[in-house]
Amino acid sequence: MDIDPRLNDIDDCLYRVAARVLIVQNNKVLLVKELLGDDWWALPGGGIDHGETIEASMLREIEEELGVPSHKVSSDFEIVHYNIGNVVNNVPRMNLYIKATISKESLGATSHIAQWQWFTKDEFFTAPLHASFDKQALAAVIWQ
């Protein structure tokens, strides 16, 4: 996709918007590492493509990253949290967080992530998270 290069000349005009999925089971949250050797963990999800709905993006990302087909995902697709303004690699970020339920048995290996793992609240606080996430705010939403 070609993006108008003039957008680079306007400060704070362009955000990379991502749909992120909060999957919690047995008081643990699911996190992923995109690449082997990454120093950070992330919530499953990713950028919303041009013309794509938030719901479609979330379901696509779950299938790509966790190998779970959309018919095995349960969600009301309500945005339960968002953060905006963190800049990572010179790109302003906005994350939209949506809760979903999937069965552990549905999870599978995919070529889109290197690893997934369940984290308790204590483990979550000690895990290095991607710089676009606000750990305190997310913990309040995950473990309310």
Protein backbone atom coordinates (compact mmCIF):
# COMPACT_ATOMS: atom_id res chain seq x y z
CA MET A 1 0.00 0.00 0.00
CA ASP A 2 1.36 3.42 -0.93
CA ILE A 3 0.99 6.10 1.73
CA ASP A 4 1.15 9.75 0.79
CA PRO A 5 4.73 10.79 1.73
CA ARG A 6 3.48 14.25 2.74
CA LEU A 7 2.15 12.66 5.93
CA ASN A 8 5.76 12.35 7.10
CA ASP A 9 6.02 16.15 7.12
CA ILE A 10 3.08 16.64 9.49
CA ASP A 11 3.88 15.98 13.15
CA ASP A 12 1.49 13.67 15.00
CA CYS A 13 -0.89 13.14 12.09
CA LEU A 14 -0.55 9.42 11.58
CA TYR A 15 -1.00 6.61 14.09
CA ARG A 16 -0.52 2.89 13.59
CA VAL A 17 -3.79 1.52 14.99
CA ALA A 18 -3.81 -2.04 16.26
CA ALA A 19 -6.48 -4.37 17.62
CA ARG A 20 -5.11 -6.21 20.66
CA VAL A 21 -6.79 -9.17 22.29
CA LEU A 22 -7.09 -9.79 26.02
CA ILE A 23 -7.40 -13.54 26.50
CA VAL A 24 -7.60 -14.50 30.17
CA GLN A 25 -8.10 -17.99 31.58
CA ASN A 26 -7.58 -19.26 35.10
CA ASN A 27 -6.40 -15.82 36.15
CA LYS A 28 -3.62 -15.83 33.51
CA VAL A 29 -3.27 -13.67 30.40
CA LEU A 30 -1.94 -14.92 27.08
CA LEU A 31 1.10 -13.10 25.65
CA VAL A 32 3.07 -13.70 22.46
CA LYS A 33 6.59 -13.16 21.15
CA GLU A 34 6.64 -12.29 17.49
CA LEU A 35 10.22 -13.37 16.80
CA LEU A 36 12.64 -15.70 18.52
CA GLY A 37 15.12 -13.54 20.33
CA ASP A 38 12.68 -10.66 20.89
CA ASP A 39 13.27 -9.07 24.26
CA TRP A 40 9.60 -8.25 24.74
CA TRP A 41 6.18 -9.84 24.96
CA ALA A 42 2.97 -8.49 23.44
CA LEU A 43 -0.73 -9.10 23.57
CA PRO A 44 -1.94 -11.00 20.51
CA GLY A 45 -3.08 -8.75 17.72
CA GLY A 46 -1.76 -6.28 15.24
CA GLY A 47 -2.40 -3.50 12.83
CA ILE A 48 -5.82 -2.86 11.40
CA ASP A 49 -5.55 -2.93 7.62
CA HIS A 50 -7.06 -0.20 5.44
CA GLY A 51 -10.77 -0.90 4.99
CA GLU A 52 -10.84 -3.60 7.68
CA THR A 53 -13.16 -3.48 10.69
CA ILE A 54 -11.83 -3.83 14.22
CA GLU A 55 -13.69 -7.13 14.56
CA ALA A 56 -12.30 -8.53 11.32
CA SER A 57 -8.78 -7.44 12.27
CA MET A 58 -9.01 -9.06 15.69
CA LEU A 59 -10.30 -12.35 14.28
CA ARG A 60 -7.66 -12.34 11.52
CA GLU A 61 -4.86 -11.70 14.02
CA ILE A 62 -6.09 -14.47 16.34
CA GLU A 63 -6.08 -16.93 13.46
CA GLU A 64 -2.68 -15.76 12.14
CA GLU A 65 -0.93 -15.67 15.51
CA LEU A 66 -2.69 -18.38 17.52
CA GLY A 67 -4.06 -20.69 14.84
CA VAL A 68 -7.62 -20.34 16.15
CA PRO A 69 -10.34 -20.05 13.49
CA SER A 70 -12.91 -17.29 13.95
CA HIS A 71 -15.79 -19.67 14.73
CA LYS A 72 -13.89 -20.78 17.88
CA VAL A 73 -13.56 -17.22 19.23
CA SER A 74 -16.12 -15.73 21.60
CA SER A 75 -16.21 -11.95 22.07
CA ASP A 76 -18.65 -9.08 22.35
CA PHE A 77 -16.09 -6.99 20.38
CA GLU A 78 -16.40 -4.10 22.84
CA ILE A 79 -13.31 -1.96 23.27
CA VAL A 80 -12.47 -2.32 26.99
CA HIS A 81 -9.37 -0.11 26.95
CA TYR A 82 -7.23 1.90 24.58
CA ASN A 83 -3.95 3.74 24.69
CA ILE A 84 -2.70 6.35 22.29
CA GLY A 85 0.47 8.34 21.91
CA ASN A 86 3.33 5.96 22.63
CA VAL A 87 5.96 6.27 19.93
CA VAL A 88 7.88 3.12 19.01
CA ASN A 89 10.49 3.13 16.24
CA ASN A 90 9.38 6.65 15.30
CA VAL A 91 5.79 5.50 14.72
CA PRO A 92 2.99 6.87 16.97
CA ARG A 93 0.88 3.95 18.21
CA MET A 94 -2.73 3.44 19.19
CA ASN A 95 -3.89 0.12 20.62
CA LEU A 96 -7.53 -0.92 20.98
CA TYR A 97 -8.05 -3.74 23.50
CA ILE A 98 -10.90 -6.24 23.22
CA LYS A 99 -11.59 -9.24 25.45
CA ALA A 100 -12.05 -12.63 23.84
CA THR A 101 -12.42 -16.21 24.98
CA ILE A 102 -10.86 -19.19 23.26
CA SER A 103 -10.18 -22.68 24.49
CA LYS A 104 -6.60 -23.60 25.33
CA GLU A 105 -7.03 -26.69 23.18
CA SER A 106 -7.64 -24.47 20.12
CA LEU A 107 -4.22 -22.80 20.35
CA GLY A 108 -1.67 -23.93 17.81
CA ALA A 109 1.72 -23.06 16.41
CA THR A 110 1.78 -20.61 13.50
CA SER A 111 4.39 -18.95 11.33
CA HIS A 112 3.36 -15.49 12.59
CA ILE A 113 4.69 -15.76 16.13
CA ALA A 114 7.61 -17.56 17.70
CA GLN A 115 6.04 -18.34 21.05
CA TRP A 116 2.95 -17.88 23.22
CA GLN A 117 2.72 -18.23 26.97
CA TRP A 118 0.25 -17.73 29.84
CA PHE A 119 1.25 -15.21 32.54
CA THR A 120 -0.03 -14.74 36.08
CA LYS A 121 -0.44 -11.17 37.32
CA ASP A 122 2.95 -11.29 39.08
CA GLU A 123 4.64 -12.71 35.97
CA PHE A 124 2.94 -10.07 33.82
CA PHE A 125 4.44 -7.30 35.95
CA THR A 126 7.94 -8.72 35.63
CA ALA A 127 7.73 -9.58 31.93
CA PRO A 128 9.23 -7.11 29.48
CA LEU A 129 6.30 -5.79 27.42
CA HIS A 130 6.35 -4.08 24.05
CA ALA A 131 6.93 -0.35 24.50
CA SER A 132 3.47 0.58 23.15
CA PHE A 133 1.73 -1.05 26.15
CA ASP A 134 0.95 0.54 29.52
CA LYS A 135 1.49 -2.32 31.97
CA GLN A 136 -0.32 -0.71 34.94
CA ALA A 137 -3.40 0.29 32.95
CA LEU A 138 -3.62 -3.12 31.25
CA ALA A 139 -3.30 -5.01 34.53
CA ALA A 140 -6.22 -3.00 35.91
CA VAL A 141 -8.35 -4.09 32.94
CA ILE A 142 -7.15 -7.71 32.85
CA TRP A 143 -7.43 -8.41 36.58
CA GLN A 144 -10.35 -6.20 37.58
